[in-house]
Amino acid sequence: MSETFEVVAQQRTDEGKGASRRLRRQGLVPGIVYGGHQDPLMISVVHSDLIHQLEQESFYSSLLDLKVGDGGTKVVLKDLQRHPAKPFILHVDFQRVSMEEKLRMTVPLHFENETSAVGVKKGGVVSHNVTEVEVTCLPGALPEYIAVDMARMEVGDIIHVSDLVLPEGVELTHALEPETPVVMIHAGYGGAAGAEEGEGGDTAGGETAG
C-alpha cells in the first residue's frame, strides 16, 4: 500500500476565470473534488504546500487525506493544470475514493538493479520505452510504484508489459498491449558482446546506463 498524505483545502463559492485569478494572486490554487457519488466541491489549496507535496513522486499515486473545514475524505490526485512557462500550478483535480470500489490509476515503474544488470556490465545500453502503467485495484492495494528487476537481464533481453510482476490485488488495464516492450538492453557502440570477448580490433567502448 502506498503512503498517505494530508492535503488541507478551503471550500470556495466563487467560480469563473476572474475568481481563479484572484485566488492565484493570493497564493492559492483553485481546484475541484468530484466522484464518490457526491456533488462536486469547489476548493482551493495553498500553492506552496501543494508544490512541496508534488516534489514527492509517491504523491501522484497515493491515497490522500483531504481536509476541508472540519470534514475529511479520501481522494487521489487526478489532474494538474500547470502554467506553460512558469513553475505555477493553475488548477488541481481530486477524485473521492471508496475503499470498496476499484480505482483506475497511473503508477510509475521503478527499474531496480539497472546499473548492476548483467548486460549493462558487459557494455550494454538500456532503453526505457515505458515508465508508467495504468492499473485498477482497490484503494487499499494501490501501489506507490511497480518494481522492475533488471538484475539478470543480458544484452538483447527485453522485459514486456506481460512480464511485469504486479502486487496482489493489482491488475493492468488494457492501455498497453501485453507484448509492448518496457525496457531492453541492446549492444553498445562497437557491440557489447564483441568488446567482452575482445573481438574485432578497435572498439569504441560500451556505454553504461545510469
N, C-alpha and C. Protein backbone atom coordinates (compact mmCIF):
# COMPACT_ATOMS: atom_id res chain seq x y z
N MET A 1 0.85 -1.20 0.00
CA MET A 1 0.00 0.00 0.00
C MET A 1 0.88 1.24 0.00
N SER A 2 0.45 2.27 -0.70
CA SER A 2 1.24 3.47 -0.81
C SER A 2 1.08 4.36 0.42
N GLU A 3 1.93 5.37 0.50
CA GLU A 3 1.95 6.31 1.60
C GLU A 3 0.69 7.15 1.59
N THR A 4 0.34 7.73 2.75
CA THR A 4 -0.81 8.60 2.84
C THR A 4 -0.35 10.02 3.15
N PHE A 5 -0.85 10.98 2.41
CA PHE A 5 -0.53 12.39 2.60
C PHE A 5 -1.79 13.12 3.05
N GLU A 6 -1.60 14.27 3.71
CA GLU A 6 -2.72 15.13 4.09
C GLU A 6 -2.69 16.40 3.27
N VAL A 7 -3.82 16.72 2.66
CA VAL A 7 -3.97 17.94 1.88
C VAL A 7 -5.03 18.81 2.57
N VAL A 8 -4.63 20.01 2.96
CA VAL A 8 -5.55 20.93 3.62
C VAL A 8 -6.11 21.89 2.58
N ALA A 9 -7.43 21.97 2.51
CA ALA A 9 -8.09 22.82 1.50
C ALA A 9 -9.17 23.66 2.15
N GLN A 10 -9.60 24.68 1.41
CA GLN A 10 -10.71 25.52 1.84
C GLN A 10 -11.79 25.46 0.77
N GLN A 11 -13.04 25.42 1.22
CA GLN A 11 -14.13 25.43 0.26
C GLN A 11 -14.26 26.84 -0.33
N ARG A 12 -14.60 26.91 -1.63
CA ARG A 12 -14.81 28.20 -2.28
C ARG A 12 -16.15 28.20 -2.99
N THR A 13 -16.71 29.38 -3.14
CA THR A 13 -18.01 29.50 -3.79
C THR A 13 -17.92 30.27 -5.10
N ASP A 14 -16.93 31.15 -5.20
CA ASP A 14 -16.78 31.93 -6.44
C ASP A 14 -16.23 31.06 -7.54
N GLU A 15 -16.81 31.16 -8.73
CA GLU A 15 -16.35 30.41 -9.88
C GLU A 15 -15.97 31.37 -11.01
N GLY A 16 -15.38 30.81 -12.04
CA GLY A 16 -15.03 31.62 -13.20
C GLY A 16 -13.56 32.02 -13.20
N LYS A 17 -13.11 32.55 -14.36
CA LYS A 17 -11.71 32.90 -14.53
C LYS A 17 -11.28 34.03 -13.60
N GLY A 18 -12.16 35.00 -13.41
CA GLY A 18 -11.83 36.12 -12.53
C GLY A 18 -11.58 35.67 -11.10
N ALA A 19 -12.45 34.80 -10.61
CA ALA A 19 -12.29 34.29 -9.25
C ALA A 19 -11.01 33.47 -9.12
N SER A 20 -10.71 32.68 -10.15
CA SER A 20 -9.49 31.87 -10.12
C SER A 20 -8.25 32.75 -10.11
N ARG A 21 -8.27 33.82 -10.88
CA ARG A 21 -7.12 34.74 -10.90
C ARG A 21 -6.92 35.38 -9.54
N ARG A 22 -8.00 35.73 -8.88
CA ARG A 22 -7.88 36.34 -7.55
C ARG A 22 -7.27 35.35 -6.57
N LEU A 23 -7.69 34.11 -6.64
CA LEU A 23 -7.13 33.09 -5.75
C LEU A 23 -5.62 32.93 -5.99
N ARG A 24 -5.22 32.90 -7.25
CA ARG A 24 -3.80 32.71 -7.57
C ARG A 24 -2.97 33.88 -7.07
N ARG A 25 -3.52 35.09 -7.14
CA ARG A 25 -2.80 36.27 -6.63
C ARG A 25 -2.61 36.17 -5.12
N GLN A 26 -3.49 35.42 -4.46
CA GLN A 26 -3.39 35.23 -3.00
C GLN A 26 -2.54 34.02 -2.64
N GLY A 27 -1.91 33.40 -3.64
CA GLY A 27 -1.07 32.23 -3.36
C GLY A 27 -1.85 30.95 -3.21
N LEU A 28 -3.04 30.89 -3.80
CA LEU A 28 -3.89 29.71 -3.69
C LEU A 28 -4.10 29.08 -5.07
N VAL A 29 -4.37 27.81 -5.08
CA VAL A 29 -4.64 27.07 -6.32
C VAL A 29 -6.11 26.67 -6.33
N PRO A 30 -6.89 27.10 -7.30
CA PRO A 30 -8.28 26.64 -7.38
C PRO A 30 -8.31 25.16 -7.75
N GLY A 31 -9.31 24.47 -7.24
CA GLY A 31 -9.42 23.05 -7.53
C GLY A 31 -10.84 22.56 -7.39
N ILE A 32 -11.01 21.27 -7.65
CA ILE A 32 -12.33 20.64 -7.55
C ILE A 32 -12.17 19.23 -7.02
N VAL A 33 -13.16 18.78 -6.27
CA VAL A 33 -13.22 17.41 -5.78
C VAL A 33 -14.50 16.80 -6.34
N TYR A 34 -14.39 15.64 -6.98
CA TYR A 34 -15.57 15.03 -7.59
C TYR A 34 -15.57 13.53 -7.33
N GLY A 35 -16.66 12.89 -7.73
CA GLY A 35 -16.76 11.44 -7.57
C GLY A 35 -17.33 11.05 -6.23
N GLY A 36 -17.30 9.75 -5.96
CA GLY A 36 -17.80 9.24 -4.68
C GLY A 36 -19.29 9.37 -4.52
N HIS A 37 -20.02 9.46 -5.65
CA HIS A 37 -21.49 9.57 -5.62
C HIS A 37 -21.94 10.80 -4.86
N GLN A 38 -21.14 11.87 -4.92
CA GLN A 38 -21.47 13.13 -4.29
C GLN A 38 -21.32 14.25 -5.30
N ASP A 39 -21.91 15.41 -4.96
CA ASP A 39 -21.78 16.57 -5.84
C ASP A 39 -20.34 17.07 -5.83
N PRO A 40 -19.88 17.65 -6.93
CA PRO A 40 -18.55 18.25 -6.95
C PRO A 40 -18.42 19.35 -5.90
N LEU A 41 -17.21 19.49 -5.37
CA LEU A 41 -16.93 20.50 -4.35
C LEU A 41 -15.80 21.39 -4.85
N MET A 42 -16.03 22.70 -4.88
CA MET A 42 -15.02 23.65 -5.31
C MET A 42 -14.12 23.97 -4.12
N ILE A 43 -12.81 23.89 -4.32
CA ILE A 43 -11.87 24.11 -3.22
C ILE A 43 -10.71 24.99 -3.69
N SER A 44 -9.88 25.36 -2.73
CA SER A 44 -8.58 25.98 -3.03
C SER A 44 -7.57 25.42 -2.05
N VAL A 45 -6.32 25.33 -2.49
CA VAL A 45 -5.24 24.85 -1.63
C VAL A 45 -4.07 25.83 -1.72
N VAL A 46 -3.26 25.87 -0.69
CA VAL A 46 -2.11 26.77 -0.67
C VAL A 46 -1.08 26.29 -1.70
N HIS A 47 -0.69 27.19 -2.60
CA HIS A 47 0.20 26.82 -3.70
C HIS A 47 1.53 26.28 -3.19
N SER A 48 2.14 26.93 -2.21
CA SER A 48 3.45 26.49 -1.73
C SER A 48 3.38 25.11 -1.10
N ASP A 49 2.28 24.82 -0.40
CA ASP A 49 2.12 23.49 0.20
C ASP A 49 1.98 22.42 -0.88
N LEU A 50 1.18 22.72 -1.90
CA LEU A 50 0.95 21.76 -2.97
C LEU A 50 2.25 21.50 -3.75
N ILE A 51 2.99 22.55 -4.05
CA ILE A 51 4.26 22.40 -4.77
C ILE A 51 5.20 21.49 -3.99
N HIS A 52 5.27 21.69 -2.69
CA HIS A 52 6.15 20.87 -1.84
C HIS A 52 5.75 19.40 -1.91
N GLN A 53 4.45 19.12 -1.88
CA GLN A 53 3.99 17.73 -1.93
C GLN A 53 4.22 17.12 -3.30
N LEU A 54 4.09 17.92 -4.35
CA LEU A 54 4.28 17.42 -5.71
C LEU A 54 5.73 17.05 -5.99
N GLU A 55 6.65 17.50 -5.16
CA GLU A 55 8.05 17.12 -5.32
C GLU A 55 8.28 15.65 -4.96
N GLN A 56 7.32 15.03 -4.29
CA GLN A 56 7.44 13.64 -3.89
C GLN A 56 6.68 12.77 -4.89
N GLU A 57 7.40 11.90 -5.56
CA GLU A 57 6.80 11.08 -6.62
C GLU A 57 5.58 10.31 -6.13
N SER A 58 5.64 9.81 -4.90
CA SER A 58 4.56 8.98 -4.39
C SER A 58 3.25 9.74 -4.22
N PHE A 59 3.31 11.07 -4.19
CA PHE A 59 2.09 11.87 -4.05
C PHE A 59 1.12 11.61 -5.20
N TYR A 60 1.67 11.33 -6.39
CA TYR A 60 0.85 11.16 -7.59
C TYR A 60 0.09 9.84 -7.60
N SER A 61 0.54 8.85 -6.81
CA SER A 61 -0.09 7.54 -6.85
C SER A 61 -0.41 7.03 -5.44
N SER A 62 -0.78 7.96 -4.57
CA SER A 62 -1.09 7.60 -3.18
C SER A 62 -2.50 8.04 -2.81
N LEU A 63 -3.03 7.41 -1.77
CA LEU A 63 -4.26 7.90 -1.16
C LEU A 63 -3.94 9.18 -0.40
N LEU A 64 -4.79 10.17 -0.55
CA LEU A 64 -4.59 11.46 0.09
C LEU A 64 -5.73 11.71 1.07
N ASP A 65 -5.40 12.24 2.24
CA ASP A 65 -6.42 12.67 3.20
C ASP A 65 -6.71 14.14 2.93
N LEU A 66 -7.85 14.41 2.32
CA LEU A 66 -8.23 15.79 2.02
C LEU A 66 -9.05 16.35 3.18
N LYS A 67 -8.56 17.42 3.78
CA LYS A 67 -9.23 18.08 4.90
C LYS A 67 -9.84 19.38 4.42
N VAL A 68 -11.17 19.49 4.53
CA VAL A 68 -11.88 20.71 4.16
C VAL A 68 -12.71 21.13 5.36
N GLY A 69 -12.31 22.20 6.03
CA GLY A 69 -13.00 22.59 7.25
C GLY A 69 -12.85 21.51 8.31
N ASP A 70 -13.98 21.10 8.88
CA ASP A 70 -13.96 20.07 9.91
C ASP A 70 -14.11 18.67 9.31
N GLY A 71 -14.31 18.61 8.02
CA GLY A 71 -14.53 17.31 7.38
C GLY A 71 -13.29 16.81 6.65
N GLY A 72 -13.32 15.53 6.35
CA GLY A 72 -12.21 14.93 5.62
C GLY A 72 -12.70 13.79 4.76
N THR A 73 -11.97 13.51 3.70
CA THR A 73 -12.32 12.42 2.82
C THR A 73 -11.07 11.90 2.13
N LYS A 74 -11.11 10.63 1.71
CA LYS A 74 -10.01 10.03 0.97
C LYS A 74 -10.14 10.40 -0.50
N VAL A 75 -9.04 10.85 -1.09
CA VAL A 75 -9.04 11.23 -2.50
C VAL A 75 -7.74 10.75 -3.14
N VAL A 76 -7.72 10.84 -4.47
CA VAL A 76 -6.48 10.67 -5.23
C VAL A 76 -6.36 11.85 -6.18
N LEU A 77 -5.13 12.17 -6.53
CA LEU A 77 -4.88 13.24 -7.49
C LEU A 77 -5.20 12.73 -8.89
N LYS A 78 -6.05 13.45 -9.62
CA LYS A 78 -6.44 13.01 -10.96
C LYS A 78 -5.94 13.92 -12.08
N ASP A 79 -5.73 15.20 -11.80
CA ASP A 79 -5.28 16.06 -12.88
C ASP A 79 -4.65 17.33 -12.30
N LEU A 80 -3.64 17.82 -13.04
CA LEU A 80 -2.99 19.08 -12.71
C LEU A 80 -2.93 19.93 -13.97
N GLN A 81 -3.21 21.21 -13.82
CA GLN A 81 -3.00 22.14 -14.93
C GLN A 81 -1.85 23.05 -14.54
N ARG A 82 -0.74 22.97 -15.29
CA ARG A 82 0.45 23.76 -14.98
C ARG A 82 0.55 24.95 -15.95
N HIS A 83 1.15 26.02 -15.47
CA HIS A 83 1.43 27.16 -16.34
C HIS A 83 2.42 26.73 -17.41
N PRO A 84 2.20 27.11 -18.67
CA PRO A 84 3.08 26.63 -19.74
C PRO A 84 4.51 27.14 -19.67
N ALA A 85 4.74 28.27 -18.97
CA ALA A 85 6.08 28.85 -18.98
C ALA A 85 6.65 29.13 -17.58
N LYS A 86 5.80 29.06 -16.58
CA LYS A 86 6.24 29.39 -15.22
C LYS A 86 5.98 28.21 -14.28
N PRO A 87 6.71 28.12 -13.17
CA PRO A 87 6.55 27.00 -12.24
C PRO A 87 5.33 27.17 -11.33
N PHE A 88 4.16 27.34 -11.95
CA PHE A 88 2.93 27.56 -11.21
C PHE A 88 1.91 26.47 -11.53
N ILE A 89 1.16 26.08 -10.52
CA ILE A 89 0.02 25.18 -10.70
C ILE A 89 -1.22 26.05 -10.85
N LEU A 90 -1.95 25.87 -11.94
CA LEU A 90 -3.12 26.70 -12.22
C LEU A 90 -4.41 26.10 -11.69
N HIS A 91 -4.48 24.76 -11.65
CA HIS A 91 -5.71 24.10 -11.21
C HIS A 91 -5.39 22.67 -10.81
N VAL A 92 -6.15 22.13 -9.88
CA VAL A 92 -5.92 20.77 -9.42
C VAL A 92 -7.26 20.05 -9.27
N ASP A 93 -7.29 18.78 -9.69
CA ASP A 93 -8.49 17.95 -9.57
C ASP A 93 -8.21 16.77 -8.65
N PHE A 94 -9.12 16.53 -7.72
CA PHE A 94 -9.05 15.35 -6.87
C PHE A 94 -10.30 14.50 -7.08
N GLN A 95 -10.16 13.20 -6.94
CA GLN A 95 -11.30 12.29 -7.04
C GLN A 95 -11.51 11.59 -5.70
N ARG A 96 -12.73 11.63 -5.21
CA ARG A 96 -13.05 10.89 -3.98
C ARG A 96 -12.95 9.39 -4.25
N VAL A 97 -12.58 8.64 -3.21
CA VAL A 97 -12.50 7.20 -3.35
C VAL A 97 -13.29 6.51 -2.25
N SER A 98 -13.76 5.34 -2.58
CA SER A 98 -14.39 4.45 -1.61
C SER A 98 -13.48 3.24 -1.46
N MET A 99 -13.25 2.82 -0.26
CA MET A 99 -12.35 1.69 -0.02
C MET A 99 -12.92 0.39 -0.57
N GLU A 100 -14.20 0.39 -0.96
CA GLU A 100 -14.84 -0.81 -1.50
C GLU A 100 -14.96 -0.77 -3.02
N GLU A 101 -14.53 0.32 -3.65
CA GLU A 101 -14.65 0.44 -5.10
C GLU A 101 -13.27 0.57 -5.74
N LYS A 102 -13.07 -0.15 -6.86
CA LYS A 102 -11.77 -0.13 -7.52
C LYS A 102 -11.48 1.22 -8.16
N LEU A 103 -10.18 1.54 -8.14
CA LEU A 103 -9.68 2.77 -8.75
C LEU A 103 -8.97 2.44 -10.06
N ARG A 104 -8.92 3.39 -10.94
CA ARG A 104 -8.07 3.32 -12.13
C ARG A 104 -7.03 4.43 -11.98
N MET A 105 -5.75 4.02 -11.85
CA MET A 105 -4.69 4.99 -11.58
C MET A 105 -3.45 4.69 -12.42
N THR A 106 -2.66 5.71 -12.66
CA THR A 106 -1.36 5.55 -13.31
C THR A 106 -0.28 5.54 -12.24
N VAL A 107 0.58 4.52 -12.26
CA VAL A 107 1.65 4.41 -11.28
C VAL A 107 2.99 4.28 -12.01
N PRO A 108 4.07 4.79 -11.41
CA PRO A 108 5.37 4.74 -12.07
C PRO A 108 6.02 3.37 -11.96
N LEU A 109 6.95 3.10 -12.86
CA LEU A 109 7.79 1.91 -12.79
C LEU A 109 9.14 2.31 -12.19
N HIS A 110 9.65 1.49 -11.29
CA HIS A 110 10.98 1.69 -10.73
C HIS A 110 11.88 0.58 -11.25
N PHE A 111 12.93 0.97 -11.95
CA PHE A 111 13.84 -0.01 -12.56
C PHE A 111 14.96 -0.31 -11.57
N GLU A 112 14.85 -1.48 -10.95
CA GLU A 112 15.79 -1.86 -9.90
C GLU A 112 16.96 -2.65 -10.48
N ASN A 113 18.14 -2.48 -9.85
CA ASN A 113 19.37 -3.18 -10.25
C ASN A 113 19.77 -2.88 -11.69
N GLU A 114 19.45 -1.68 -12.15
CA GLU A 114 19.74 -1.33 -13.55
C GLU A 114 21.24 -1.25 -13.80
N THR A 115 21.96 -0.52 -12.96
CA THR A 115 23.39 -0.34 -13.21
C THR A 115 24.20 -1.60 -12.98
N SER A 116 23.64 -2.55 -12.22
CA SER A 116 24.35 -3.80 -11.95
C SER A 116 23.84 -4.97 -12.79
N ALA A 117 22.95 -4.68 -13.75
CA ALA A 117 22.43 -5.75 -14.62
C ALA A 117 23.57 -6.41 -15.39
N VAL A 118 23.43 -7.71 -15.64
CA VAL A 118 24.47 -8.47 -16.33
C VAL A 118 24.83 -7.82 -17.66
N GLY A 119 23.83 -7.49 -18.45
CA GLY A 119 24.07 -6.92 -19.77
C GLY A 119 24.71 -5.55 -19.71
N VAL A 120 24.39 -4.75 -18.71
CA VAL A 120 24.99 -3.43 -18.56
C VAL A 120 26.48 -3.56 -18.23
N LYS A 121 26.81 -4.51 -17.38
CA LYS A 121 28.21 -4.74 -17.03
C LYS A 121 29.04 -5.18 -18.25
N LYS A 122 28.38 -5.75 -19.25
CA LYS A 122 29.06 -6.17 -20.47
C LYS A 122 29.10 -5.05 -21.52
N GLY A 123 28.66 -3.86 -21.14
CA GLY A 123 28.69 -2.73 -22.06
C GLY A 123 27.39 -2.45 -22.75
N GLY A 124 26.32 -3.14 -22.37
CA GLY A 124 25.02 -2.90 -22.98
C GLY A 124 24.43 -1.57 -22.58
N VAL A 125 23.54 -1.08 -23.42
CA VAL A 125 22.87 0.20 -23.19
C VAL A 125 21.39 -0.04 -22.93
N VAL A 126 20.87 0.60 -21.90
CA VAL A 126 19.48 0.42 -21.50
C VAL A 126 18.58 1.40 -22.25
N SER A 127 17.45 0.89 -22.74
CA SER A 127 16.43 1.74 -23.36
C SER A 127 15.12 1.53 -22.61
N HIS A 128 14.57 2.63 -22.07
CA HIS A 128 13.28 2.58 -21.39
C HIS A 128 12.20 3.02 -22.37
N ASN A 129 11.24 2.17 -22.63
CA ASN A 129 10.14 2.50 -23.52
C ASN A 129 8.86 2.86 -22.76
N VAL A 130 8.71 2.30 -21.56
CA VAL A 130 7.53 2.56 -20.73
C VAL A 130 8.02 2.91 -19.33
N THR A 131 7.57 4.01 -18.78
CA THR A 131 7.99 4.41 -17.44
C THR A 131 6.84 4.46 -16.44
N GLU A 132 5.60 4.24 -16.91
CA GLU A 132 4.44 4.19 -16.03
C GLU A 132 3.36 3.35 -16.69
N VAL A 133 2.49 2.79 -15.86
CA VAL A 133 1.41 1.95 -16.37
C VAL A 133 0.12 2.30 -15.65
N GLU A 134 -0.99 2.01 -16.30
CA GLU A 134 -2.30 2.23 -15.71
C GLU A 134 -2.80 0.94 -15.09
N VAL A 135 -3.29 1.03 -13.85
CA VAL A 135 -3.74 -0.16 -13.13
C VAL A 135 -5.13 0.07 -12.56
N THR A 136 -5.78 -1.03 -12.21
CA THR A 136 -7.02 -0.97 -11.44
C THR A 136 -6.83 -1.80 -10.17
N CYS A 137 -7.35 -1.29 -9.06
CA CYS A 137 -7.24 -2.00 -7.78
C CYS A 137 -8.11 -1.29 -6.76
N LEU A 138 -8.33 -1.95 -5.65
CA LEU A 138 -8.98 -1.29 -4.53
C LEU A 138 -8.01 -0.28 -3.92
N PRO A 139 -8.51 0.80 -3.35
CA PRO A 139 -7.62 1.81 -2.79
C PRO A 139 -6.60 1.26 -1.80
N GLY A 140 -7.00 0.28 -1.03
CA GLY A 140 -6.08 -0.29 -0.05
C GLY A 140 -4.92 -1.03 -0.64
N ALA A 141 -5.02 -1.40 -1.93
CA ALA A 141 -3.95 -2.13 -2.60
C ALA A 141 -3.15 -1.24 -3.54
N LEU A 142 -3.45 0.05 -3.58
CA LEU A 142 -2.79 0.95 -4.53
C LEU A 142 -1.29 1.00 -4.28
N PRO A 143 -0.47 0.58 -5.26
CA PRO A 143 0.98 0.61 -5.05
C PRO A 143 1.57 1.98 -5.32
N GLU A 144 2.62 2.33 -4.57
CA GLU A 144 3.33 3.58 -4.82
C GLU A 144 4.04 3.50 -6.16
N TYR A 145 4.54 2.31 -6.49
CA TYR A 145 5.22 2.08 -7.76
C TYR A 145 5.22 0.58 -8.03
N ILE A 146 5.61 0.19 -9.24
CA ILE A 146 5.78 -1.21 -9.59
C ILE A 146 7.26 -1.43 -9.91
N ALA A 147 7.86 -2.38 -9.23
CA ALA A 147 9.29 -2.64 -9.38
C ALA A 147 9.55 -3.51 -10.61
N VAL A 148 10.60 -3.18 -11.34
CA VAL A 148 11.05 -3.96 -12.50
C VAL A 148 12.49 -4.36 -12.21
N ASP A 149 12.71 -5.64 -11.89
CA ASP A 149 14.05 -6.12 -11.53
C ASP A 149 14.84 -6.43 -12.80
N MET A 150 15.93 -5.70 -13.00
CA MET A 150 16.74 -5.87 -14.21
C MET A 150 18.02 -6.66 -13.96
N ALA A 151 18.21 -7.18 -12.77
CA ALA A 151 19.49 -7.77 -12.38
C ALA A 151 20.01 -8.82 -13.35
N ARG A 152 19.14 -9.69 -13.86
CA ARG A 152 19.57 -10.81 -14.68
C ARG A 152 19.45 -10.54 -16.18
N MET A 153 19.13 -9.34 -16.55
CA MET A 153 18.96 -9.04 -17.98
C MET A 153 20.30 -9.06 -18.70
N GLU A 154 20.38 -9.79 -19.80
CA GLU A 154 21.55 -9.86 -20.65
C GLU A 154 21.37 -8.89 -21.83
N VAL A 155 22.45 -8.67 -22.57
CA VAL A 155 22.35 -7.89 -23.81
C VAL A 155 21.38 -8.60 -24.75
N GLY A 156 20.41 -7.87 -25.25
CA GLY A 156 19.40 -8.45 -26.13
C GLY A 156 18.11 -8.81 -25.41
N ASP A 157 18.12 -8.80 -24.08
CA ASP A 157 16.91 -9.15 -23.32
C ASP A 157 15.92 -7.99 -23.34
N ILE A 158 14.65 -8.34 -23.32
CA ILE A 158 13.56 -7.36 -23.28
C ILE A 158 12.56 -7.78 -22.21
N ILE A 159 12.12 -6.84 -21.41
CA ILE A 159 11.00 -7.07 -20.49
C ILE A 159 9.77 -6.44 -21.11
N HIS A 160 8.72 -7.23 -21.28
CA HIS A 160 7.47 -6.75 -21.88
C HIS A 160 6.46 -6.43 -20.79
N VAL A 161 5.40 -5.78 -21.18
CA VAL A 161 4.32 -5.47 -20.23
C VAL A 161 3.80 -6.74 -19.57
N SER A 162 3.69 -7.81 -20.34
CA SER A 162 3.19 -9.07 -19.79
C SER A 162 4.14 -9.69 -18.77
N ASP A 163 5.41 -9.23 -18.71
CA ASP A 163 6.38 -9.76 -17.76
C ASP A 163 6.36 -9.04 -16.42
N LEU A 164 5.66 -7.94 -16.32
CA LEU A 164 5.66 -7.15 -15.09
C LEU A 164 5.05 -7.96 -13.94
N VAL A 165 5.68 -7.87 -12.79
CA VAL A 165 5.20 -8.56 -11.59
C VAL A 165 4.38 -7.56 -10.78
N LEU A 166 3.09 -7.82 -10.67
CA LEU A 166 2.18 -6.89 -10.01
C LEU A 166 1.91 -7.31 -8.57
N PRO A 167 1.72 -6.34 -7.69
CA PRO A 167 1.34 -6.67 -6.32
C PRO A 167 -0.02 -7.37 -6.29
N GLU A 168 -0.28 -8.08 -5.23
CA GLU A 168 -1.56 -8.78 -5.09
C GLU A 168 -2.72 -7.80 -5.14
N GLY A 169 -3.74 -8.13 -5.91
CA GLY A 169 -4.92 -7.29 -6.00
C GLY A 169 -4.82 -6.18 -7.02
N VAL A 170 -3.71 -6.11 -7.76
CA VAL A 170 -3.50 -5.06 -8.74
C VAL A 170 -3.52 -5.66 -10.14
N GLU A 171 -4.27 -5.06 -11.04
CA GLU A 171 -4.35 -5.54 -12.41
C GLU A 171 -4.03 -4.41 -13.38
N LEU A 172 -3.42 -4.76 -14.49
CA LEU A 172 -3.17 -3.78 -15.55
C LEU A 172 -4.45 -3.56 -16.34
N THR A 173 -4.66 -2.32 -16.79
CA THR A 173 -5.76 -2.06 -17.71
C THR A 173 -5.28 -2.46 -19.11
N HIS A 174 -6.10 -2.20 -20.10
CA HIS A 174 -5.74 -2.54 -21.47
C HIS A 174 -5.14 -1.35 -22.20
N ALA A 175 -4.57 -0.41 -21.45
CA ALA A 175 -3.98 0.78 -22.08
C ALA A 175 -2.76 0.42 -22.93
N LEU A 176 -2.07 -0.67 -22.58
CA LEU A 176 -0.90 -1.13 -23.33
C LEU A 176 -1.07 -2.59 -23.71
N GLU A 177 -0.60 -2.95 -24.89
CA GLU A 177 -0.64 -4.34 -25.31
C GLU A 177 0.35 -5.16 -24.47
N PRO A 178 0.02 -6.43 -24.20
CA PRO A 178 0.90 -7.27 -23.37
C PRO A 178 2.33 -7.38 -23.90
N GLU A 179 2.51 -7.35 -25.22
CA GLU A 179 3.85 -7.51 -25.78
C GLU A 179 4.58 -6.17 -25.99
N THR A 180 4.03 -5.10 -25.47
CA THR A 180 4.73 -3.81 -25.54
C THR A 180 6.04 -3.88 -24.76
N PRO A 181 7.18 -3.54 -25.39
CA PRO A 181 8.44 -3.54 -24.65
C PRO A 181 8.45 -2.47 -23.56
N VAL A 182 8.91 -2.84 -22.37
CA VAL A 182 9.03 -1.90 -21.26
C VAL A 182 10.46 -1.38 -21.17
N VAL A 183 11.42 -2.30 -21.15
CA VAL A 183 12.83 -1.94 -21.07
C VAL A 183 13.64 -3.01 -21.77
N MET A 184 14.74 -2.61 -22.39
CA MET A 184 15.61 -3.57 -23.08
C MET A 184 17.06 -3.16 -22.89
N ILE A 185 17.94 -4.12 -23.08
CA ILE A 185 19.37 -3.85 -23.08
C ILE A 185 19.90 -4.25 -24.45
N HIS A 186 20.42 -3.29 -25.18
CA HIS A 186 20.96 -3.60 -26.51
C HIS A 186 22.46 -3.34 -26.52
N ALA A 187 23.13 -3.86 -27.52
CA ALA A 187 24.58 -3.75 -27.60
C ALA A 187 25.01 -2.30 -27.71
N GLY A 188 26.08 -1.96 -27.01
CA GLY A 188 26.63 -0.61 -27.09
C GLY A 188 27.40 -0.42 -28.37
N TYR A 189 27.91 0.78 -28.57
CA TYR A 189 28.68 1.06 -29.77
C TYR A 189 29.89 0.13 -29.83
N GLY A 190 30.07 -0.51 -30.95
CA GLY A 190 31.15 -1.47 -31.09
C GLY A 190 30.73 -2.87 -30.76
N GLY A 191 29.49 -3.02 -30.19
CA GLY A 191 28.97 -4.35 -29.87
C GLY A 191 29.43 -4.80 -28.52
N ALA A 192 28.50 -4.89 -27.56
CA ALA A 192 28.87 -5.26 -26.20
C ALA A 192 29.50 -6.64 -26.14
N ALA A 193 28.91 -7.61 -26.87
CA ALA A 193 29.42 -8.97 -26.79
C ALA A 193 30.81 -9.07 -27.38
N GLY A 194 31.03 -8.37 -28.53
CA GLY A 194 32.33 -8.40 -29.16
C GLY A 194 33.39 -7.77 -28.29
N ALA A 195 33.05 -6.66 -27.63
CA ALA A 195 34.00 -6.00 -26.76
C ALA A 195 34.34 -6.88 -25.59
N GLU A 196 33.33 -7.63 -25.09
CA GLU A 196 33.54 -8.52 -23.95
C GLU A 196 34.54 -9.60 -24.30
N GLU A 197 34.48 -10.11 -25.54
CA GLU A 197 35.33 -11.23 -25.93
C GLU A 197 36.61 -10.77 -26.62
N GLY A 198 36.80 -9.44 -26.76
CA GLY A 198 37.98 -8.91 -27.39
C GLY A 198 38.01 -9.13 -28.88
N GLU A 199 36.82 -9.19 -29.51
CA GLU A 199 36.76 -9.43 -30.93
C GLU A 199 36.97 -8.16 -31.72
N GLY A 200 37.41 -8.28 -32.94
CA GLY A 200 37.42 -7.19 -33.92
C GLY A 200 38.43 -6.11 -33.68
N GLY A 201 39.48 -5.93 -33.39
CA GLY A 201 40.42 -4.84 -33.30
C GLY A 201 39.95 -3.69 -32.44
N ASP A 202 39.77 -2.51 -33.06
CA ASP A 202 39.41 -1.31 -32.33
C ASP A 202 37.95 -1.34 -31.96
N THR A 203 37.64 -0.90 -30.73
CA THR A 203 36.26 -0.78 -30.29
C THR A 203 36.09 0.59 -29.64
N ALA A 204 34.84 1.04 -29.69
CA ALA A 204 34.56 2.38 -29.15
C ALA A 204 34.33 2.33 -27.65
N GLY A 205 34.18 1.12 -27.12
CA GLY A 205 33.91 1.03 -25.68
C GLY A 205 32.43 1.13 -25.43
N GLY A 206 31.89 0.25 -24.58
CA GLY A 206 30.44 0.25 -24.33
C GLY A 206 30.03 1.37 -23.43
N GLU A 207 28.79 1.79 -23.59
CA GLU A 207 28.20 2.78 -22.70
C GLU A 207 27.54 2.08 -21.55
N THR A 208 27.51 2.76 -20.44
CA THR A 208 26.84 2.23 -19.26
C THR A 208 25.68 3.13 -18.91
N ALA A 209 24.47 2.56 -18.81
CA ALA A 209 23.31 3.36 -18.43
C ALA A 209 23.33 3.61 -16.94
N GLY A 210 22.97 4.83 -16.58
CA GLY A 210 22.96 5.14 -15.16
C GLY A 210 21.58 5.04 -14.60
